């Protein structure tokens, strides 16, 4: 669970860089995530306190906290990359320490390893994007709940017409980028319709009809949920 004053995981990470206890709490909370990343890479079940790979994963997660740049994407994507790289380094080191036959072809092994690494990296990127999307949907669902909106509600009210979706997107972007409008929305849990009418020359009823969808978009924007791709999606794509 994130601290009440922290809106996003990225905010929690920035706090953890300065606070040792917060860093330890964050690492402990994300042990299942760390194990999942390593198990997908190794293909075997691992246990904390028994397998070296998990100890390496914990150290790598701490390293990710210390070196994370908030302006370069989501933290979990970065942490996953750091953990994976450290585990790969570990296995390569283990491999170098093993006795190799005199007939072993180093060049052939290097070429094969390079090819496998490229294939693994491609699959890893695809798997990572899908996993990030799942994590963000979970976090997004939690964020919407604070506004009394369920993910199913969002699916039902998502406009089918691209023109209307784009209009609502403009409203959401305006609110998210305007401190006064955003503060009013967060305080009253209602759209500042009068102000929006003046700024956008849109009819009140049109804005009211898109209330849930607009608020949901604002929540996505301020939380930087990149993988949801809400802005240009058809209603069915949100299911």
Protein backbone atom coordinates (compact mmCIF):
# COMPACT_ATOMS: atom_id res chain seq x y z
CA UNK A 1 0.00 0.00 0.00
CA UNK A 2 1.23 3.49 -0.85
CA UNK A 3 1.37 6.28 1.71
CA UNK A 4 -1.83 8.36 1.80
CA UNK A 5 -0.02 11.47 0.56
CA UNK A 6 1.62 9.62 -2.34
CA UNK A 7 -0.45 9.40 -5.51
CA UNK A 8 1.72 7.12 -7.62
CA UNK A 9 4.32 4.39 -7.28
CA UNK A 10 6.81 6.73 -8.91
CA UNK A 11 6.26 9.24 -6.07
CA UNK A 12 6.85 6.44 -3.53
CA UNK A 13 10.12 5.53 -5.26
CA UNK A 14 11.36 9.12 -5.12
CA UNK A 15 10.58 9.19 -1.39
CA UNK A 16 12.31 5.82 -0.90
CA UNK A 17 15.52 7.27 -2.36
CA UNK A 18 15.72 9.58 0.64
CA UNK A 19 14.14 7.38 3.31
CA UNK A 20 15.73 4.03 4.22
CA UNK A 21 12.61 2.71 5.97
CA UNK A 22 10.45 3.62 2.99
CA UNK A 23 12.93 1.88 0.70
CA UNK A 24 12.81 -1.29 2.81
CA UNK A 25 9.01 -1.19 2.90
CA UNK A 26 8.83 -0.77 -0.86
CA UNK A 27 11.21 -3.68 -1.47
CA UNK A 28 9.20 -5.90 0.87
CA UNK A 29 5.89 -4.94 -0.78
CA UNK A 30 7.24 -5.80 -4.22
CA UNK A 31 8.81 -9.16 -3.39
CA UNK A 32 6.06 -10.96 -5.38
CA UNK A 33 6.83 -8.73 -8.39
CA UNK A 34 10.56 -9.41 -8.11
CA UNK A 35 9.98 -13.16 -7.87
CA UNK A 36 7.63 -13.07 -10.86
CA UNK A 37 10.19 -11.28 -13.06
CA UNK A 38 12.94 -13.77 -12.17
CA UNK A 39 10.76 -16.85 -12.45
CA UNK A 40 9.66 -15.85 -15.95
CA UNK A 41 13.29 -15.44 -16.92
CA UNK A 42 14.53 -18.71 -15.35
CA UNK A 43 11.45 -20.85 -15.90
CA UNK A 44 11.62 -22.37 -12.44
CA UNK A 45 9.95 -21.87 -9.07
CA UNK A 46 12.10 -19.98 -6.58
CA UNK A 47 11.91 -19.36 -2.82
CA UNK A 48 13.24 -16.46 -0.77
CA UNK A 49 15.99 -17.53 1.61
CA UNK A 50 16.88 -20.49 -0.60
CA UNK A 51 17.68 -19.29 -4.13
CA UNK A 52 20.49 -16.86 -4.93
CA UNK A 53 18.52 -15.41 -7.86
CA UNK A 54 15.96 -13.86 -5.50
CA UNK A 55 18.66 -12.27 -3.37
CA UNK A 56 20.11 -10.78 -6.54
CA UNK A 57 16.63 -9.59 -7.48
CA UNK A 58 16.19 -7.78 -4.16
CA UNK A 59 19.55 -6.04 -4.60
CA UNK A 60 18.65 -5.14 -8.18
CA UNK A 61 15.29 -3.70 -7.10
CA UNK A 62 17.10 -1.53 -4.55
CA UNK A 63 19.51 -0.47 -7.28
CA UNK A 64 16.54 0.47 -9.47
CA UNK A 65 15.13 2.64 -6.69
CA UNK A 66 18.43 4.48 -6.32
CA UNK A 67 18.98 5.08 -10.04
CA UNK A 68 15.41 5.62 -11.27
CA UNK A 69 14.66 8.78 -13.27
CA UNK A 70 10.99 9.76 -12.95
CA UNK A 71 11.05 11.55 -16.31
CA UNK A 72 11.94 8.41 -18.25
CA UNK A 73 8.87 6.23 -17.91
CA UNK A 74 7.21 3.96 -15.36
CA UNK A 75 9.25 2.55 -12.49
CA UNK A 76 8.15 -1.09 -12.83
CA UNK A 77 9.36 -1.21 -16.43
CA UNK A 78 12.74 0.15 -15.34
CA UNK A 79 12.95 -2.17 -12.31
CA UNK A 80 12.10 -5.20 -14.45
CA UNK A 81 14.94 -4.36 -16.84
CA UNK A 82 17.48 -3.90 -14.01
CA UNK A 83 16.44 -7.18 -12.33
CA UNK A 84 16.59 -9.12 -15.60
CA UNK A 85 20.02 -7.74 -16.47
CA UNK A 86 21.42 -8.63 -13.05
CA UNK A 87 20.08 -12.18 -13.27
CA UNK A 88 21.56 -12.59 -16.76
CA UNK A 89 24.92 -11.34 -15.45
CA UNK A 90 24.69 -13.86 -12.61
CA UNK A 91 24.09 -16.79 -14.96
CA UNK A 92 26.85 -15.71 -17.31
CA UNK A 93 29.26 -15.54 -14.41
CA UNK A 94 28.17 -18.98 -13.24
CA UNK A 95 28.67 -20.33 -16.76
CA UNK A 96 32.20 -18.92 -17.02
CA UNK A 97 33.14 -20.60 -13.76
CA UNK A 98 32.23 -24.08 -15.06
CA UNK A 99 34.82 -26.42 -16.57
CA UNK A 100 34.69 -26.30 -20.39
CA UNK A 101 35.73 -29.18 -22.68
CA UNK A 102 38.77 -28.64 -24.95
CA UNK A 103 36.53 -29.34 -27.93
CA UNK A 104 34.06 -26.63 -26.95
CA UNK A 105 33.54 -24.09 -29.77
CA UNK A 106 33.58 -20.64 -28.14
CA UNK A 107 32.74 -18.81 -31.38
CA UNK A 108 29.75 -21.02 -32.06
CA UNK A 109 28.58 -20.66 -28.49
CA UNK A 110 28.90 -16.86 -28.63
CA UNK A 111 26.96 -16.70 -31.90
CA UNK A 112 24.22 -18.94 -30.52
CA UNK A 113 24.12 -16.98 -27.28
CA UNK A 114 23.83 -13.70 -29.20
CA UNK A 115 20.94 -15.05 -31.28
CA UNK A 116 19.15 -16.42 -28.23
CA UNK A 117 19.67 -13.15 -26.38
CA UNK A 118 18.09 -11.19 -29.25
CA UNK A 119 15.13 -13.56 -29.41
CA UNK A 120 14.79 -13.53 -25.63
CA UNK A 121 14.99 -9.73 -25.56
CA UNK A 122 12.24 -9.42 -28.17
CA UNK A 123 9.97 -11.81 -26.28
CA UNK A 124 10.91 -10.11 -23.01
CA UNK A 125 9.86 -6.72 -24.39
CA UNK A 126 6.52 -8.13 -25.55
CA UNK A 127 5.90 -9.86 -22.22
CA UNK A 128 6.97 -6.78 -20.27
CA UNK A 129 4.58 -4.51 -22.15
CA UNK A 130 1.70 -6.88 -21.51
CA UNK A 131 2.59 -7.22 -17.82
CA UNK A 132 2.93 -3.45 -17.44
CA UNK A 133 -0.51 -3.06 -18.97
CA UNK A 134 -1.97 -5.52 -16.45
CA UNK A 135 -0.30 -3.74 -13.52
CA UNK A 136 -1.54 -0.37 -14.73
CA UNK A 137 -5.10 -1.61 -15.16
CA UNK A 138 -5.01 -2.82 -11.55
CA UNK A 139 -3.66 0.53 -10.35
CA UNK A 140 -6.07 2.43 -12.59
CA UNK A 141 -9.02 0.47 -11.22
CA UNK A 142 -7.95 1.44 -7.69
CA UNK A 143 -7.59 5.10 -8.69
CA UNK A 144 -11.05 5.15 -10.33
CA UNK A 145 -12.63 3.59 -7.24
CA UNK A 146 -11.72 6.73 -5.27
CA UNK A 147 -13.96 8.63 -7.67
CA UNK A 148 -16.80 6.15 -7.41
CA UNK A 149 -16.10 4.82 -10.91
CA UNK A 150 -15.63 1.17 -11.77
CA UNK A 151 -13.76 -0.06 -14.82
CA UNK A 152 -17.02 -1.57 -16.07
CA UNK A 153 -18.67 1.87 -15.77
CA UNK A 154 -15.93 3.28 -17.97
CA UNK A 155 -16.45 0.61 -20.62
CA UNK A 156 -20.19 1.34 -20.71
CA UNK A 157 -19.86 5.13 -21.09
CA UNK A 158 -16.90 5.20 -23.50
CA UNK A 159 -18.08 7.03 -26.67
CA UNK A 160 -18.16 5.00 -29.87
CA UNK A 161 -17.58 8.05 -32.07
CA UNK A 162 -13.95 9.10 -32.45
CA UNK A 163 -14.93 12.77 -32.81
CA UNK A 164 -16.68 12.74 -29.43
CA UNK A 165 -13.81 10.86 -27.79
CA UNK A 166 -11.40 13.49 -29.06
CA UNK A 167 -13.59 16.30 -27.70
CA UNK A 168 -13.66 14.66 -24.27
CA UNK A 169 -9.92 14.10 -24.45
CA UNK A 170 -9.38 17.84 -25.04
CA UNK A 171 -11.49 18.60 -21.97
CA UNK A 172 -9.53 16.10 -19.85
CA UNK A 173 -6.17 17.46 -21.05
CA UNK A 174 -7.32 21.01 -20.28
CA UNK A 175 -8.39 20.08 -16.75
CA UNK A 176 -5.23 18.06 -16.02
CA UNK A 177 -3.04 20.94 -17.18
CA UNK A 178 -4.92 23.68 -15.34
CA UNK A 179 -4.22 23.82 -11.59
CA UNK A 180 -7.38 25.77 -10.80
CA UNK A 181 -9.69 23.44 -12.74
CA UNK A 182 -7.96 20.33 -11.40
CA UNK A 183 -8.13 21.58 -7.82
CA UNK A 184 -11.85 22.28 -8.17
CA UNK A 185 -12.45 18.83 -9.63
CA UNK A 186 -10.50 17.09 -6.86
CA UNK A 187 -12.22 19.17 -4.16
CA UNK A 188 -15.83 18.81 -5.32
CA UNK A 189 -15.57 15.54 -7.25
CA UNK A 190 -17.53 17.27 -10.01
CA UNK A 191 -16.58 18.74 -13.36
CA UNK A 192 -16.17 22.56 -13.33
CA UNK A 193 -18.78 22.82 -16.07
CA UNK A 194 -19.29 26.61 -16.03
CA UNK A 195 -15.59 27.26 -16.52
CA UNK A 196 -15.34 24.58 -19.21
CA UNK A 197 -18.29 26.08 -21.11
CA UNK A 198 -16.49 29.42 -21.28
CA UNK A 199 -13.12 28.00 -22.24
CA UNK A 200 -14.26 25.47 -24.83
CA UNK A 201 -17.57 26.84 -26.12
CA UNK A 202 -19.24 23.48 -25.62
CA UNK A 203 -22.83 22.95 -24.57
CA UNK A 204 -23.35 22.09 -20.93
CA UNK A 205 -25.32 18.94 -21.71
CA UNK A 206 -22.57 17.53 -23.91
CA UNK A 207 -20.04 17.99 -21.12
CA UNK A 208 -22.39 16.46 -18.55
CA UNK A 209 -23.01 13.40 -20.72
CA UNK A 210 -19.27 12.72 -20.82
CA UNK A 211 -18.74 13.32 -17.10
CA UNK A 212 -17.56 9.81 -16.15
CA UNK A 213 -15.41 9.38 -19.23
CA UNK A 214 -13.78 12.81 -18.82
CA UNK A 215 -13.00 12.27 -15.15
CA UNK A 216 -11.58 8.83 -15.96
CA UNK A 217 -9.31 10.39 -18.57
CA UNK A 218 -8.14 13.04 -16.10
CA UNK A 219 -7.30 10.30 -13.60
CA UNK A 220 -5.32 8.45 -16.30
CA UNK A 221 -3.42 11.60 -17.29
CA UNK A 222 -2.41 12.76 -13.81
CA UNK A 223 -1.32 9.22 -12.89
CA UNK A 224 0.59 8.79 -16.16
CA UNK A 225 -1.04 5.48 -17.09
CA UNK A 226 0.71 5.14 -20.44
CA UNK A 227 -0.25 1.59 -21.39
CA UNK A 228 -4.00 2.00 -21.15
CA UNK A 229 -4.16 3.91 -24.44
CA UNK A 230 -7.59 5.24 -23.56
CA UNK A 231 -7.51 8.26 -25.76
CA UNK A 232 -7.93 6.66 -29.17
CA UNK A 233 -9.47 3.32 -28.30
CA UNK A 234 -12.84 1.99 -29.26
CA UNK A 235 -15.21 1.13 -26.45
CA UNK A 236 -14.74 -2.59 -27.00
CA UNK A 237 -10.96 -2.28 -26.66
CA UNK A 238 -11.33 -1.30 -23.03
CA UNK A 239 -12.84 -4.68 -22.11
